[in-house]
Amino acid sequence: MSDDLPNALQFLDAAADDEVRSFLRRLPMVGGNDGDKITLSDLIYEMRLLPFVMDAWQNTSGNPGVPGRLKQLSLVYQTAEANMQKLTGEKRRLKRLIDMPSFLDVYANVGLP
């Protein structure tokens, strides 16, 4: 991980609006890469994907409880990524992984959209 990351996070915390800060709090839950570190390009992809994710949340039903919400989260990101790729041609660099401890923390303490 870069030594500049704490400075970048401090900057984003000071300069970003509430929507961006909310996005960043949830990012570890959905931003893991299979077999590699998250790069700045990956972060930019996640930020560009956010409007597609928010739209997919509105149109993807889910069941209560952790298993139901995990399935919903997976479907939301599949839909969002497919829609973004159709519109922009951008594709995720590596398979996305759900960070379970982070997911459970967001599920229990922050809430999903």
Protein backbone atom coordinates (compact mmCIF):
# COMPACT_ATOMS: atom_id res chain seq x y z
CA MET A 1 0.00 0.00 0.00
CA SER A 2 1.27 3.47 -0.82
CA ASP A 3 2.74 5.72 1.88
CA ASP A 4 0.60 8.52 0.38
CA LEU A 5 -2.68 6.73 1.15
CA PRO A 6 -3.25 8.36 4.59
CA ASN A 7 -2.69 11.81 3.01
CA ALA A 8 -5.07 10.97 0.16
CA LEU A 9 -7.72 9.77 2.60
CA GLN A 10 -7.31 12.94 4.70
CA PHE A 11 -7.72 15.03 1.55
CA LEU A 12 -10.83 13.13 0.46
CA ASP A 13 -12.30 13.38 3.94
CA ALA A 14 -11.84 17.16 3.89
CA ALA A 15 -12.72 17.84 0.24
CA ALA A 16 -15.39 15.26 -0.54
CA ASP A 17 -19.11 15.70 -0.04
CA ASP A 18 -21.30 13.37 2.03
CA GLU A 19 -22.08 11.11 -0.95
CA VAL A 20 -18.39 10.52 -1.69
CA ARG A 21 -17.60 9.89 1.99
CA SER A 22 -20.49 7.41 2.17
CA PHE A 23 -19.15 5.69 -0.95
CA LEU A 24 -15.64 5.47 0.51
CA ARG A 25 -16.94 3.95 3.76
CA ARG A 26 -18.62 1.17 1.79
CA LEU A 27 -15.82 0.65 -0.76
CA PRO A 28 -13.77 -1.99 1.11
CA MET A 29 -16.88 -4.16 1.20
CA VAL A 30 -17.10 -4.29 -2.58
CA GLY A 31 -13.74 -3.09 -3.84
CA GLY A 32 -11.44 -6.04 -3.26
CA ASN A 33 -9.57 -7.44 -6.23
CA ASP A 34 -8.90 -11.10 -6.81
CA GLY A 35 -5.15 -11.57 -6.54
CA ASP A 36 -3.92 -7.97 -6.65
CA LYS A 37 -3.96 -4.68 -4.77
CA ILE A 38 -6.46 -1.98 -5.62
CA THR A 39 -4.85 0.62 -7.88
CA LEU A 40 -5.83 4.23 -8.47
CA SER A 41 -7.37 3.12 -11.79
CA ASP A 42 -9.47 0.60 -9.86
CA LEU A 43 -10.64 3.34 -7.48
CA ILE A 44 -11.57 5.56 -10.42
CA TYR A 45 -13.50 2.66 -11.95
CA GLU A 46 -15.38 2.17 -8.67
CA MET A 47 -16.23 5.86 -8.53
CA ARG A 48 -17.49 5.85 -12.13
CA LEU A 49 -19.48 2.72 -11.38
CA LEU A 50 -21.29 4.29 -8.40
CA PRO A 51 -24.23 5.81 -10.36
CA PHE A 52 -24.83 2.44 -12.03
CA VAL A 53 -24.69 0.72 -8.62
CA MET A 54 -27.21 3.15 -7.14
CA ASP A 55 -29.54 2.56 -10.09
CA ALA A 56 -29.15 -1.22 -9.77
CA TRP A 57 -29.99 -1.05 -6.02
CA GLN A 58 -33.31 0.55 -6.96
CA ASN A 59 -34.10 -2.25 -9.41
CA THR A 60 -32.75 -5.34 -7.65
CA SER A 61 -34.87 -6.94 -4.97
CA GLY A 62 -33.35 -8.86 -2.11
CA ASN A 63 -34.26 -10.97 0.87
CA PRO A 64 -33.59 -10.07 4.50
CA GLY A 65 -30.61 -11.40 6.40
CA VAL A 66 -26.96 -11.71 5.51
CA PRO A 67 -27.34 -14.42 2.81
CA GLY A 68 -30.16 -12.54 1.09
CA ARG A 69 -28.29 -9.25 1.13
CA LEU A 70 -25.05 -10.89 -0.11
CA LYS A 71 -26.95 -12.33 -3.07
CA GLN A 72 -28.55 -8.94 -3.71
CA LEU A 73 -25.15 -7.20 -3.52
CA SER A 74 -23.70 -9.65 -6.03
CA LEU A 75 -26.61 -9.12 -8.45
CA VAL A 76 -26.41 -5.34 -8.03
CA TYR A 77 -22.75 -5.27 -9.02
CA GLN A 78 -23.22 -7.70 -11.91
CA THR A 79 -25.99 -5.49 -13.28
CA ALA A 80 -24.12 -2.24 -12.67
CA GLU A 81 -20.93 -3.49 -14.31
CA ALA A 82 -22.81 -4.83 -17.34
CA ASN A 83 -24.72 -1.55 -17.76
CA MET A 84 -21.59 0.56 -17.44
CA GLN A 85 -19.71 -1.62 -19.90
CA LYS A 86 -22.56 -1.31 -22.44
CA LEU A 87 -22.54 2.47 -22.10
CA THR A 88 -18.83 3.25 -21.75
CA GLY A 89 -16.93 0.12 -22.76
CA GLU A 90 -15.13 0.16 -19.39
CA LYS A 91 -14.57 -3.20 -17.78
CA ARG A 92 -13.34 -4.21 -14.33
CA ARG A 93 -9.63 -5.09 -14.39
CA LEU A 94 -9.88 -8.04 -11.99
CA LYS A 95 -12.73 -10.02 -10.49
CA ARG A 96 -14.32 -8.17 -7.58
CA LEU A 97 -14.33 -9.82 -4.18
CA ILE A 98 -16.62 -9.05 -1.27
CA ASP A 99 -14.65 -8.42 1.92
CA MET A 100 -16.82 -10.32 4.42
CA PRO A 101 -15.66 -8.57 7.63
CA SER A 102 -16.20 -5.19 5.97
CA PHE A 103 -19.57 -6.30 4.54
CA LEU A 104 -20.75 -7.42 7.97
CA ASP A 105 -19.58 -4.15 9.53
CA VAL A 106 -21.42 -2.07 6.91
CA TYR A 107 -24.49 -4.31 7.14
CA ALA A 108 -24.64 -4.01 10.92
CA ASN A 109 -23.48 -0.43 11.51
CA VAL A 110 -23.87 1.70 8.40
CA GLY A 111 -26.60 -0.02 6.42
CA LEU A 112 -26.84 -0.91 2.78
CA PRO A 113 -28.62 1.38 0.30
